[in-house]
Structure formats: C-alpha cells, structure tokens
Amino acid sequence: MQEWTIEQWENMKESEQLCAFYLYTPMCGTCMVASKMMEVVDQTLPDIPMGKANLNYVEQIAYDYKIESVPCLLIAEDGKIRDKIYAFQSVSYLFEKFHKKD
C-alpha cells in the first residue's frame, strides 16, 4: 500500500471509483495491527485503489473529515465518503465493507 498525499487522496476520491485511504500513526499499537490487516486487504483486492498516510503528516485531513482517532479507514465511492471505520474488527469485516452496496 502506497503512502498518499492529501492531493492524491482527493484526486482518487473525485474519480468516483471505489477507493480507500487508511490513516494511522506510527506509535499507535492498534494501528500496527490494523496496518497488517490493511496489507492483506490491499493485496487481496488489487483492483481497488488504496493509500495510506501517517496522520501526523496530513493533519488537515483530520479537520476536513472530522477524524476522531486512529486507525481510521475512509472508503469513498462516487466522490463521497461511504464509510469511516475506526474499529478494524477483522479482515473479513473489512472485506464486507468494501463489497457492501447500499
């Protein structure tokens, strides 16, 4: 999973395809577990663009999207945030989030 800038995320989100942005901090223990889960998801779903960023370096995202804590996964579709996930319960739970249709 590649590190994305705010601009890369915004461009991908505006492309209106299903995509995700994973936000973490390096000293967060829960983020370490979530990062491993996201690597599995990213490798298993190669057709879905996914990026990540250390929230310390993209602080404006926290304000723009009202991020309450890390880890946080933003899933966008059709140019809008479809899901904001804080509890990365399991890899299968994350797969469900990518495949749900409302």
PDB file of N, CA and C in Angstrom:
ATOM      1  N   MET A   1       0.855  -1.172   0.000  1.00  0.00           N
ATOM      2  CA  MET A   1       0.000   0.000   0.000  1.00  0.00           C
ATOM      3  C   MET A   1       0.901   1.235   0.000  1.00  0.00           C
ATOM      4  N   GLN A   2       0.655   2.110  -0.939  1.00  0.00           N
ATOM      5  CA  GLN A   2       1.479   3.309  -1.078  1.00  0.00           C
ATOM      6  C   GLN A   2       1.045   4.427  -0.131  1.00  0.00           C
ATOM      7  N   GLU A   3       2.032   5.220   0.264  1.00  0.00           N
ATOM      8  CA  GLU A   3       1.744   6.442   1.014  1.00  0.00           C
ATOM      9  C   GLU A   3       1.170   7.450   0.022  1.00  0.00           C
ATOM     10  N   TRP A   4       0.066   8.084   0.399  1.00  0.00           N
ATOM     11  CA  TRP A   4      -0.565   9.101  -0.446  1.00  0.00           C
ATOM     12  C   TRP A   4      -0.484  10.457   0.233  1.00  0.00           C
ATOM     13  N   THR A   5      -0.434  11.493  -0.591  1.00  0.00           N
ATOM     14  CA  THR A   5      -0.564  12.866  -0.101  1.00  0.00           C
ATOM     15  C   THR A   5      -2.056  13.193  -0.047  1.00  0.00           C
ATOM     16  N   ILE A   6      -2.378  14.309   0.557  1.00  0.00           N
ATOM     17  CA  ILE A   6      -3.777  14.757   0.576  1.00  0.00           C
ATOM     18  C   ILE A   6      -4.288  14.921  -0.854  1.00  0.00           C
ATOM     19  N   GLU A   7      -3.442  15.472  -1.717  1.00  0.00           N
ATOM     20  CA  GLU A   7      -3.843  15.714  -3.111  1.00  0.00           C
ATOM     21  C   GLU A   7      -4.128  14.400  -3.841  1.00  0.00           C
ATOM     22  N   GLN A   8      -3.291  13.406  -3.617  1.00  0.00           N
ATOM     23  CA  GLN A   8      -3.522  12.103  -4.252  1.00  0.00           C
ATOM     24  C   GLN A   8      -4.849  11.505  -3.788  1.00  0.00           C
ATOM     25  N   TRP A   9      -5.135  11.601  -2.490  1.00  0.00           N
ATOM     26  CA  TRP A   9      -6.402  11.091  -1.955  1.00  0.00           C
ATOM     27  C   TRP A   9      -7.576  11.829  -2.580  1.00  0.00           C
ATOM     28  N   GLU A  10      -7.510  13.154  -2.584  1.00  0.00           N
ATOM     29  CA  GLU A  10      -8.630  13.944  -3.122  1.00  0.00           C
ATOM     30  C   GLU A  10      -8.859  13.623  -4.603  1.00  0.00           C
ATOM     31  N   ASN A  11      -7.789  13.482  -5.374  1.00  0.00           N
ATOM     32  CA  ASN A  11      -7.927  13.140  -6.792  1.00  0.00           C
ATOM     33  C   ASN A  11      -8.549  11.762  -6.969  1.00  0.00           C
ATOM     34  N   MET A  12      -8.119  10.806  -6.151  1.00  0.00           N
ATOM     35  CA  MET A  12      -8.670   9.453  -6.261  1.00  0.00           C
ATOM     36  C   MET A  12     -10.142   9.457  -5.856  1.00  0.00           C
ATOM     37  N   LYS A  13     -10.459  10.151  -4.775  1.00  0.00           N
ATOM     38  CA  LYS A  13     -11.852  10.205  -4.309  1.00  0.00           C
ATOM     39  C   LYS A  13     -12.743  10.843  -5.379  1.00  0.00           C
ATOM     40  N   GLU A  14     -12.272  11.907  -5.999  1.00  0.00           N
ATOM     41  CA  GLU A  14     -13.065  12.598  -7.009  1.00  0.00           C
ATOM     42  C   GLU A  14     -13.203  11.809  -8.305  1.00  0.00           C
ATOM     43  N   SER A  15     -12.403  10.774  -8.484  1.00  0.00           N
ATOM     44  CA  SER A  15     -12.505   9.948  -9.688  1.00  0.00           C
ATOM     45  C   SER A  15     -13.797   9.130  -9.687  1.00  0.00           C
ATOM     46  N   GLU A  16     -14.455   9.107  -8.554  1.00  0.00           N
ATOM     47  CA  GLU A  16     -15.754   8.453  -8.358  1.00  0.00           C
ATOM     48  C   GLU A  16     -15.694   6.933  -8.376  1.00  0.00           C
ATOM     49  N   GLN A  17     -14.515   6.357  -8.377  1.00  0.00           N
ATOM     50  CA  GLN A  17     -14.429   4.906  -8.239  1.00  0.00           C
ATOM     51  C   GLN A  17     -14.284   4.556  -6.759  1.00  0.00           C
ATOM     52  N   LEU A  18     -14.547   3.310  -6.447  1.00  0.00           N
ATOM     53  CA  LEU A  18     -14.376   2.833  -5.081  1.00  0.00           C
ATOM     54  C   LEU A  18     -12.893   2.917  -4.730  1.00  0.00           C
ATOM     55  N   CYS A  19     -12.576   3.563  -3.608  1.00  0.00           N
ATOM     56  CA  CYS A  19     -11.187   3.697  -3.170  1.00  0.00           C
ATOM     57  C   CYS A  19     -11.166   3.857  -1.652  1.00  0.00           C
ATOM     58  N   ALA A  20      -9.968   3.761  -1.079  1.00  0.00           N
ATOM     59  CA  ALA A  20      -9.855   3.842   0.380  1.00  0.00           C
ATOM     60  C   ALA A  20      -8.576   4.567   0.775  1.00  0.00           C
ATOM     61  N   PHE A  21      -8.639   5.219   1.934  1.00  0.00           N
ATOM     62  CA  PHE A  21      -7.499   5.942   2.498  1.00  0.00           C
ATOM     63  C   PHE A  21      -7.388   5.535   3.960  1.00  0.00           C
ATOM     64  N   TYR A  22      -6.276   4.909   4.290  1.00  0.00           N
ATOM     65  CA  TYR A  22      -6.025   4.403   5.635  1.00  0.00           C
ATOM     66  C   TYR A  22      -5.129   5.393   6.375  1.00  0.00           C
ATOM     67  N   LEU A  23      -5.591   5.856   7.535  1.00  0.00           N
ATOM     68  CA  LEU A  23      -4.867   6.835   8.340  1.00  0.00           C
ATOM     69  C   LEU A  23      -4.391   6.185   9.632  1.00  0.00           C
ATOM     70  N   TYR A  24      -3.137   6.439   9.974  1.00  0.00           N
ATOM     71  CA  TYR A  24      -2.518   5.805  11.133  1.00  0.00           C
ATOM     72  C   TYR A  24      -1.486   6.748  11.738  1.00  0.00           C
ATOM     73  N   THR A  25      -0.955   6.364  12.878  1.00  0.00           N
ATOM     74  CA  THR A  25       0.244   6.999  13.433  1.00  0.00           C
ATOM     75  C   THR A  25       1.203   5.874  13.820  1.00  0.00           C
ATOM     76  N   PRO A  26       2.504   6.103  13.695  1.00  0.00           N
ATOM     77  CA  PRO A  26       3.466   5.014  13.907  1.00  0.00           C
ATOM     78  C   PRO A  26       3.573   4.513  15.347  1.00  0.00           C
ATOM     79  N   MET A  27       3.223   5.312  16.319  1.00  0.00           N
ATOM     80  CA  MET A  27       3.352   4.893  17.725  1.00  0.00           C
ATOM     81  C   MET A  27       2.081   4.246  18.275  1.00  0.00           C
ATOM     82  N   CYS A  28       1.087   4.099  17.455  1.00  0.00           N
ATOM     83  CA  CYS A  28      -0.205   3.539  17.869  1.00  0.00           C
ATOM     84  C   CYS A  28      -0.175   2.012  17.728  1.00  0.00           C
ATOM     85  N   GLY A  29      -0.318   1.303  18.830  1.00  0.00           N
ATOM     86  CA  GLY A  29      -0.309  -0.158  18.816  1.00  0.00           C
ATOM     87  C   GLY A  29      -1.459  -0.739  18.023  1.00  0.00           C
ATOM     88  N   THR A  30      -2.641  -0.172  18.166  1.00  0.00           N
ATOM     89  CA  THR A  30      -3.806  -0.640  17.413  1.00  0.00           C
ATOM     90  C   THR A  30      -3.583  -0.434  15.918  1.00  0.00           C
ATOM     91  N   CYS A  31      -2.902   0.655  15.565  1.00  0.00           N
ATOM     92  CA  CYS A  31      -2.606   0.923  14.154  1.00  0.00           C
ATOM     93  C   CYS A  31      -1.685  -0.143  13.572  1.00  0.00           C
ATOM     94  N   MET A  32      -0.779  -0.666  14.389  1.00  0.00           N
ATOM     95  CA  MET A  32       0.131  -1.708  13.897  1.00  0.00           C
ATOM     96  C   MET A  32      -0.645  -2.946  13.479  1.00  0.00           C
ATOM     97  N   VAL A  33      -1.637  -3.318  14.280  1.00  0.00           N
ATOM     98  CA  VAL A  33      -2.488  -4.464  13.952  1.00  0.00           C
ATOM     99  C   VAL A  33      -3.343  -4.138  12.727  1.00  0.00           C
ATOM    100  N   ALA A  34      -3.930  -2.943  12.708  1.00  0.00           N
ATOM    101  CA  ALA A  34      -4.770  -2.524  11.581  1.00  0.00           C
ATOM    102  C   ALA A  34      -3.959  -2.467  10.284  1.00  0.00           C
ATOM    103  N   SER A  35      -2.697  -2.051  10.386  1.00  0.00           N
ATOM    104  CA  SER A  35      -1.840  -1.972   9.192  1.00  0.00           C
ATOM    105  C   SER A  35      -1.636  -3.351   8.574  1.00  0.00           C
ATOM    106  N   LYS A  36      -1.448  -4.355   9.411  1.00  0.00           N
ATOM    107  CA  LYS A  36      -1.287  -5.717   8.900  1.00  0.00           C
ATOM    108  C   LYS A  36      -2.576  -6.187   8.220  1.00  0.00           C
ATOM    109  N   MET A  37      -3.705  -5.849   8.806  1.00  0.00           N
ATOM    110  CA  MET A  37      -4.989  -6.218   8.210  1.00  0.00           C
ATOM    111  C   MET A  37      -5.169  -5.515   6.861  1.00  0.00           C
ATOM    112  N   MET A  38      -4.805  -4.244   6.804  1.00  0.00           N
ATOM    113  CA  MET A  38      -4.954  -3.495   5.566  1.00  0.00           C
ATOM    114  C   MET A  38      -4.037  -4.006   4.461  1.00  0.00           C
ATOM    115  N   GLU A  39      -2.859  -4.493   4.827  1.00  0.00           N
ATOM    116  CA  GLU A  39      -1.964  -5.073   3.821  1.00  0.00           C
ATOM    117  C   GLU A  39      -2.607  -6.305   3.184  1.00  0.00           C
ATOM    118  N   VAL A  40      -3.273  -7.130   3.995  1.00  0.00           N
ATOM    119  CA  VAL A  40      -3.972  -8.310   3.464  1.00  0.00           C
ATOM    120  C   VAL A  40      -5.100  -7.866   2.533  1.00  0.00           C
ATOM    121  N   VAL A  41      -5.885  -6.896   2.964  1.00  0.00           N
ATOM    122  CA  VAL A  41      -6.998  -6.393   2.146  1.00  0.00           C
ATOM    123  C   VAL A  41      -6.463  -5.818   0.833  1.00  0.00           C
ATOM    124  N   ASP A  42      -5.413  -5.017   0.913  1.00  0.00           N
ATOM    125  CA  ASP A  42      -4.836  -4.387  -0.273  1.00  0.00           C
ATOM    126  C   ASP A  42      -4.331  -5.427  -1.268  1.00  0.00           C
ATOM    127  N   GLN A  43      -3.677  -6.460  -0.777  1.00  0.00           N
ATOM    128  CA  GLN A  43      -3.151  -7.498  -1.668  1.00  0.00           C
ATOM    129  C   GLN A  43      -4.259  -8.374  -2.242  1.00  0.00           C
ATOM    130  N   THR A  44      -5.334  -8.543  -1.501  1.00  0.00           N
ATOM    131  CA  THR A  44      -6.436  -9.397  -1.941  1.00  0.00           C
ATOM    132  C   THR A  44      -7.389  -8.671  -2.890  1.00  0.00           C
ATOM    133  N   LEU A  45      -7.450  -7.356  -2.776  1.00  0.00           N
ATOM    134  CA  LEU A  45      -8.334  -6.555  -3.632  1.00  0.00           C
ATOM    135  C   LEU A  45      -7.503  -5.566  -4.461  1.00  0.00           C
ATOM    136  N   PRO A  46      -6.670  -6.071  -5.375  1.00  0.00           N
ATOM    137  CA  PRO A  46      -5.749  -5.190  -6.104  1.00  0.00           C
ATOM    138  C   PRO A  46      -6.427  -4.190  -7.036  1.00  0.00           C
ATOM    139  N   ASP A  47      -7.676  -4.411  -7.391  1.00  0.00           N
ATOM    140  CA  ASP A  47      -8.374  -3.503  -8.305  1.00  0.00           C
ATOM    141  C   ASP A  47      -8.958  -2.273  -7.604  1.00  0.00           C
ATOM    142  N   ILE A  48      -8.920  -2.273  -6.271  1.00  0.00           N
ATOM    143  CA  ILE A  48      -9.439  -1.127  -5.521  1.00  0.00           C
ATOM    144  C   ILE A  48      -8.249  -0.273  -5.072  1.00  0.00           C
ATOM    145  N   PRO A  49      -8.158   0.961  -5.553  1.00  0.00           N
ATOM    146  CA  PRO A  49      -7.052   1.820  -5.136  1.00  0.00           C
ATOM    147  C   PRO A  49      -7.118   2.093  -3.629  1.00  0.00           C
ATOM    148  N   MET A  50      -5.990   1.841  -2.951  1.00  0.00           N
ATOM    149  CA  MET A  50      -5.905   2.080  -1.507  1.00  0.00           C
ATOM    150  C   MET A  50      -4.585   2.777  -1.214  1.00  0.00           C
ATOM    151  N   GLY A  51      -4.669   3.818  -0.417  1.00  0.00           N
ATOM    152  CA  GLY A  51      -3.474   4.519   0.010  1.00  0.00           C
ATOM    153  C   GLY A  51      -3.483   4.648   1.519  1.00  0.00           C
ATOM    154  N   LYS A  52      -2.347   5.066   2.051  1.00  0.00           N
ATOM    155  CA  LYS A  52      -2.257   5.257   3.489  1.00  0.00           C
ATOM    156  C   LYS A  52      -1.459   6.515   3.761  1.00  0.00           C
ATOM    157  N   ALA A  53      -1.623   7.038   4.977  1.00  0.00           N
ATOM    158  CA  ALA A  53      -0.865   8.217   5.373  1.00  0.00           C
ATOM    159  C   ALA A  53      -0.730   8.259   6.881  1.00  0.00           C
ATOM    160  N   ASN A  54       0.443   8.693   7.314  1.00  0.00           N
ATOM    161  CA  ASN A  54       0.686   8.975   8.720  1.00  0.00           C
ATOM    162  C   ASN A  54      -0.053  10.276   9.019  1.00  0.00           C
ATOM    163  N   LEU A  55      -1.032  10.224   9.897  1.00  0.00           N
ATOM    164  CA  LEU A  55      -1.867  11.390  10.175  1.00  0.00           C
ATOM    165  C   LEU A  55      -1.054  12.578  10.684  1.00  0.00           C
ATOM    166  N   ASN A  56       0.114  12.320  11.258  1.00  0.00           N
ATOM    167  CA  ASN A  56       0.980  13.407  11.715  1.00  0.00           C
ATOM    168  C   ASN A  56       1.429  14.300  10.561  1.00  0.00           C
ATOM    169  N   TYR A  57       1.466  13.744   9.348  1.00  0.00           N
ATOM    170  CA  TYR A  57       1.942  14.495   8.182  1.00  0.00           C
ATOM    171  C   TYR A  57       0.829  15.017   7.289  1.00  0.00           C
ATOM    172  N   VAL A  58      -0.393  14.585   7.539  1.00  0.00           N
ATOM    173  CA  VAL A  58      -1.540  15.069   6.752  1.00  0.00           C
ATOM    174  C   VAL A  58      -2.626  15.554   7.714  1.00  0.00           C
ATOM    175  N   GLU A  59      -2.201  16.360   8.649  1.00  0.00           N
ATOM    176  CA  GLU A  59      -3.076  16.819   9.729  1.00  0.00           C
ATOM    177  C   GLU A  59      -4.381  17.445   9.238  1.00  0.00           C
ATOM    178  N   GLN A  60      -4.330  18.129   8.113  1.00  0.00           N
ATOM    179  CA  GLN A  60      -5.528  18.801   7.601  1.00  0.00           C
ATOM    180  C   GLN A  60      -6.661  17.805   7.342  1.00  0.00           C
ATOM    181  N   ILE A  61      -6.317  16.575   6.991  1.00  0.00           N
ATOM    182  CA  ILE A  61      -7.330  15.528   6.770  1.00  0.00           C
ATOM    183  C   ILE A  61      -8.180  15.335   8.028  1.00  0.00           C
ATOM    184  N   ALA A  62      -7.534  15.370   9.183  1.00  0.00           N
ATOM    185  CA  ALA A  62      -8.259  15.181  10.453  1.00  0.00           C
ATOM    186  C   ALA A  62      -9.340  16.240  10.619  1.00  0.00           C
ATOM    187  N   TYR A  63      -9.047  17.451  10.226  1.00  0.00           N
ATOM    188  CA  TYR A  63     -10.029  18.531  10.323  1.00  0.00           C
ATOM    189  C   TYR A  63     -11.091  18.417   9.235  1.00  0.00           C
ATOM    190  N   ASP A  64     -10.635  18.166   8.010  1.00  0.00           N
ATOM    191  CA  ASP A  64     -11.564  18.114   6.878  1.00  0.00           C
ATOM    192  C   ASP A  64     -12.589  16.994   6.996  1.00  0.00           C
ATOM    193  N   TYR A  65     -12.163  15.847   7.533  1.00  0.00           N
ATOM    194  CA  TYR A  65     -13.047  14.680   7.608  1.00  0.00           C
ATOM    195  C   TYR A  65     -13.482  14.340   9.027  1.00  0.00           C
ATOM    196  N   LYS A  66     -13.182  15.243   9.953  1.00  0.00           N
ATOM    197  CA  LYS A  66     -13.573  15.061  11.357  1.00  0.00           C
ATOM    198  C   LYS A  66     -13.123  13.697  11.887  1.00  0.00           C
ATOM    199  N   ILE A  67     -11.837  13.386  11.696  1.00  0.00           N
ATOM    200  CA  ILE A  67     -11.254  12.134  12.171  1.00  0.00           C
ATOM    201  C   ILE A  67     -11.128  12.218  13.686  1.00  0.00           C
ATOM    202  N   GLU A  68     -11.724  11.258  14.386  1.00  0.00           N
ATOM    203  CA  GLU A  68     -11.742  11.273  15.849  1.00  0.00           C
ATOM    204  C   GLU A  68     -10.579  10.518  16.469  1.00  0.00           C
ATOM    205  N   SER A  69     -10.064   9.498  15.764  1.00  0.00           N
ATOM    206  CA  SER A  69      -8.958   8.713  16.301  1.00  0.00           C
ATOM    207  C   SER A  69      -8.339   7.887  15.177  1.00  0.00           C
ATOM    208  N   VAL A  70      -7.218   7.291  15.492  1.00  0.00           N
ATOM    209  CA  VAL A  70      -6.582   6.360  14.557  1.00  0.00           C
ATOM    210  C   VAL A  70      -6.547   4.990  15.207  1.00  0.00           C
ATOM    211  N   PRO A  71      -6.560   3.937  14.437  1.00  0.00           N
ATOM    212  CA  PRO A  71      -6.605   3.919  12.986  1.00  0.00           C
ATOM    213  C   PRO A  71      -7.977   4.345  12.461  1.00  0.00           C
ATOM    214  N   CYS A  72      -7.957   4.855  11.230  1.00  0.00           N
ATOM    215  CA  CYS A  72      -9.206   5.255  10.577  1.00  0.00           C
ATOM    216  C   CYS A  72      -9.105   4.884   9.103  1.00  0.00           C
ATOM    217  N   LEU A  73     -10.161   4.303   8.593  1.00  0.00           N
ATOM    218  CA  LEU A  73     -10.227   3.950   7.179  1.00  0.00           C
ATOM    219  C   LEU A  73     -11.380   4.708   6.552  1.00  0.00           C
ATOM    220  N   LEU A  74     -11.059   5.515   5.539  1.00  0.00           N
ATOM    221  CA  LEU A  74     -12.078   6.222   4.772  1.00  0.00           C
ATOM    222  C   LEU A  74     -12.306   5.445   3.483  1.00  0.00           C
ATOM    223  N   ILE A  75     -13.538   5.049   3.240  1.00  0.00           N
ATOM    224  CA  ILE A  75     -13.887   4.369   1.988  1.00  0.00           C
ATOM    225  C   ILE A  75     -14.794   5.315   1.218  1.00  0.00           C
ATOM    226  N   ALA A  76     -14.382   5.615  -0.006  1.00  0.00           N
ATOM    227  CA  ALA A  76     -15.149   6.549  -0.840  1.00  0.00           C
ATOM    228  C   ALA A  76     -15.649   5.848  -2.093  1.00  0.00           C
ATOM    229  N   GLU A  77     -16.794   6.316  -2.555  1.00  0.00           N
ATOM    230  CA  GLU A  77     -17.365   5.829  -3.808  1.00  0.00           C
ATOM    231  C   GLU A  77     -18.231   6.938  -4.371  1.00  0.00           C
ATOM    232  N   ASP A  78     -18.200   7.095  -5.666  1.00  0.00           N
ATOM    233  CA  ASP A  78     -18.966   8.154  -6.336  1.00  0.00           C
ATOM    234  C   ASP A  78     -18.620   9.540  -5.797  1.00  0.00           C
ATOM    235  N   GLY A  79     -17.355   9.734  -5.411  1.00  0.00           N
ATOM    236  CA  GLY A  79     -16.891  11.039  -4.958  1.00  0.00           C
ATOM    237  C   GLY A  79     -17.261  11.399  -3.537  1.00  0.00           C
ATOM    238  N   LYS A  80     -17.888  10.463  -2.803  1.00  0.00           N
ATOM    239  CA  LYS A  80     -18.328  10.739  -1.435  1.00  0.00           C
ATOM    240  C   LYS A  80     -17.797   9.679  -0.473  1.00  0.00           C
ATOM    241  N   ILE A  81     -17.639  10.067   0.784  1.00  0.00           N
ATOM    242  CA  ILE A  81     -17.230   9.107   1.807  1.00  0.00           C
ATOM    243  C   ILE A  81     -18.405   8.185   2.092  1.00  0.00           C
ATOM    244  N   ARG A  82     -18.209   6.915   1.855  1.00  0.00           N
ATOM    245  CA  ARG A  82     -19.243   5.905   2.086  1.00  0.00           C
ATOM    246  C   ARG A  82     -19.150   5.328   3.497  1.00  0.00           C
ATOM    247  N   ASP A  83     -17.911   5.160   3.984  1.00  0.00           N
ATOM    248  CA  ASP A  83     -17.687   4.595   5.315  1.00  0.00           C
ATOM    249  C   ASP A  83     -16.494   5.272   5.963  1.00  0.00           C
ATOM    250  N   LYS A  84     -16.588   5.452   7.268  1.00  0.00           N
ATOM    251  CA  LYS A  84     -15.474   5.903   8.100  1.00  0.00           C
ATOM    252  C   LYS A  84     -15.359   4.866   9.207  1.00  0.00           C
ATOM    253  N   ILE A  85     -14.298   4.063   9.162  1.00  0.00           N
ATOM    254  CA  ILE A  85     -14.170   2.926  10.066  1.00  0.00           C
ATOM    255  C   ILE A  85     -13.042   3.179  11.058  1.00  0.00           C
ATOM    256  N   TYR A  86     -13.362   3.003  12.333  1.00  0.00           N
ATOM    257  CA  TYR A  86     -12.363   3.116  13.398  1.00  0.00           C
ATOM    258  C   TYR A  86     -12.035   1.747  14.001  1.00  0.00           C
ATOM    259  N   ALA A  87     -13.015   0.867  14.054  1.00  0.00           N
ATOM    260  CA  ALA A  87     -12.837  -0.463  14.658  1.00  0.00           C
ATOM    261  C   ALA A  87     -12.601  -1.478  13.541  1.00  0.00           C
ATOM    262  N   PHE A  88     -11.353  -1.865  13.348  1.00  0.00           N
ATOM    263  CA  PHE A  88     -10.979  -2.828  12.316  1.00  0.00           C
ATOM    264  C   PHE A  88     -11.154  -4.224  12.910  1.00  0.00           C
ATOM    265  N   GLN A  89     -12.383  -4.694  12.947  1.00  0.00           N
ATOM    266  CA  GLN A  89     -12.720  -5.905  13.685  1.00  0.00           C
ATOM    267  C   GLN A  89     -12.003  -7.155  13.180  1.00  0.00           C
ATOM    268  N   SER A  90     -11.928  -7.302  11.867  1.00  0.00           N
ATOM    269  CA  SER A  90     -11.275  -8.467  11.262  1.00  0.00           C
ATOM    270  C   SER A  90     -11.083  -8.180   9.783  1.00  0.00           C
ATOM    271  N   VAL A  91     -10.263  -8.991   9.135  1.00  0.00           N
ATOM    272  CA  VAL A  91     -10.077  -8.840   7.696  1.00  0.00           C
ATOM    273  C   VAL A  91     -11.397  -9.094   6.972  1.00  0.00           C
ATOM    274  N   SER A  92     -12.132 -10.109   7.394  1.00  0.00           N
ATOM    275  CA  SER A  92     -13.414 -10.408   6.730  1.00  0.00           C
ATOM    276  C   SER A  92     -14.408  -9.258   6.912  1.00  0.00           C
ATOM    277  N   TYR A  93     -14.389  -8.599   8.063  1.00  0.00           N
ATOM    278  CA  TYR A  93     -15.243  -7.430   8.291  1.00  0.00           C
ATOM    279  C   TYR A  93     -14.886  -6.320   7.287  1.00  0.00           C
ATOM    280  N   LEU A  94     -13.600  -6.107   7.069  1.00  0.00           N
ATOM    281  CA  LEU A  94     -13.174  -5.083   6.116  1.00  0.00           C
ATOM    282  C   LEU A  94     -13.580  -5.453   4.693  1.00  0.00           C
ATOM    283  N   PHE A  95     -13.451  -6.737   4.326  1.00  0.00           N
ATOM    284  CA  PHE A  95     -13.903  -7.183   3.012  1.00  0.00           C
ATOM    285  C   PHE A  95     -15.381  -6.863   2.815  1.00  0.00           C
ATOM    286  N   GLU A  96     -16.193  -7.124   3.834  1.00  0.00           N
ATOM    287  CA  GLU A  96     -17.623  -6.834   3.752  1.00  0.00           C
ATOM    288  C   GLU A  96     -17.868  -5.356   3.496  1.00  0.00           C
ATOM    289  N   LYS A  97     -17.094  -4.508   4.145  1.00  0.00           N
ATOM    290  CA  LYS A  97     -17.249  -3.062   3.982  1.00  0.00           C
ATOM    291  C   LYS A  97     -16.945  -2.634   2.546  1.00  0.00           C
ATOM    292  N   PHE A  98     -15.983  -3.285   1.917  1.00  0.00           N
ATOM    293  CA  PHE A  98     -15.663  -2.942   0.526  1.00  0.00           C
ATOM    294  C   PHE A  98     -16.697  -3.468  -0.448  1.00  0.00           C
ATOM    295  N   HIS A  99     -17.383  -4.543  -0.094  1.00  0.00           N
ATOM    296  CA  HIS A  99     -18.322  -5.168  -1.009  1.00  0.00           C
ATOM    297  C   HIS A  99     -19.777  -4.809  -0.776  1.00  0.00           C
ATOM    298  N   LYS A 100     -20.065  -4.031   0.247  1.00  0.00           N
ATOM    299  CA  LYS A 100     -21.465  -3.702   0.520  1.00  0.00           C
ATOM    300  C   LYS A 100     -21.993  -2.728  -0.511  1.00  0.00           C
ATOM    301  N   LYS A 101     -23.234  -2.874  -0.814  1.00  0.00           N
ATOM    302  CA  LYS A 101     -23.924  -1.956  -1.746  1.00  0.00           C
ATOM    303  C   LYS A 101     -25.171  -1.457  -1.038  1.00  0.00           C
ATOM    304  N   ASP A 102     -25.239  -0.148  -0.926  1.00  0.00           N
ATOM    305  CA  ASP A 102     -26.432   0.442  -0.266  1.00  0.00           C
ATOM    306  C   ASP A 102     -27.474   0.802  -1.287  1.00  0.00           C
TER     307      ASP A 102
END
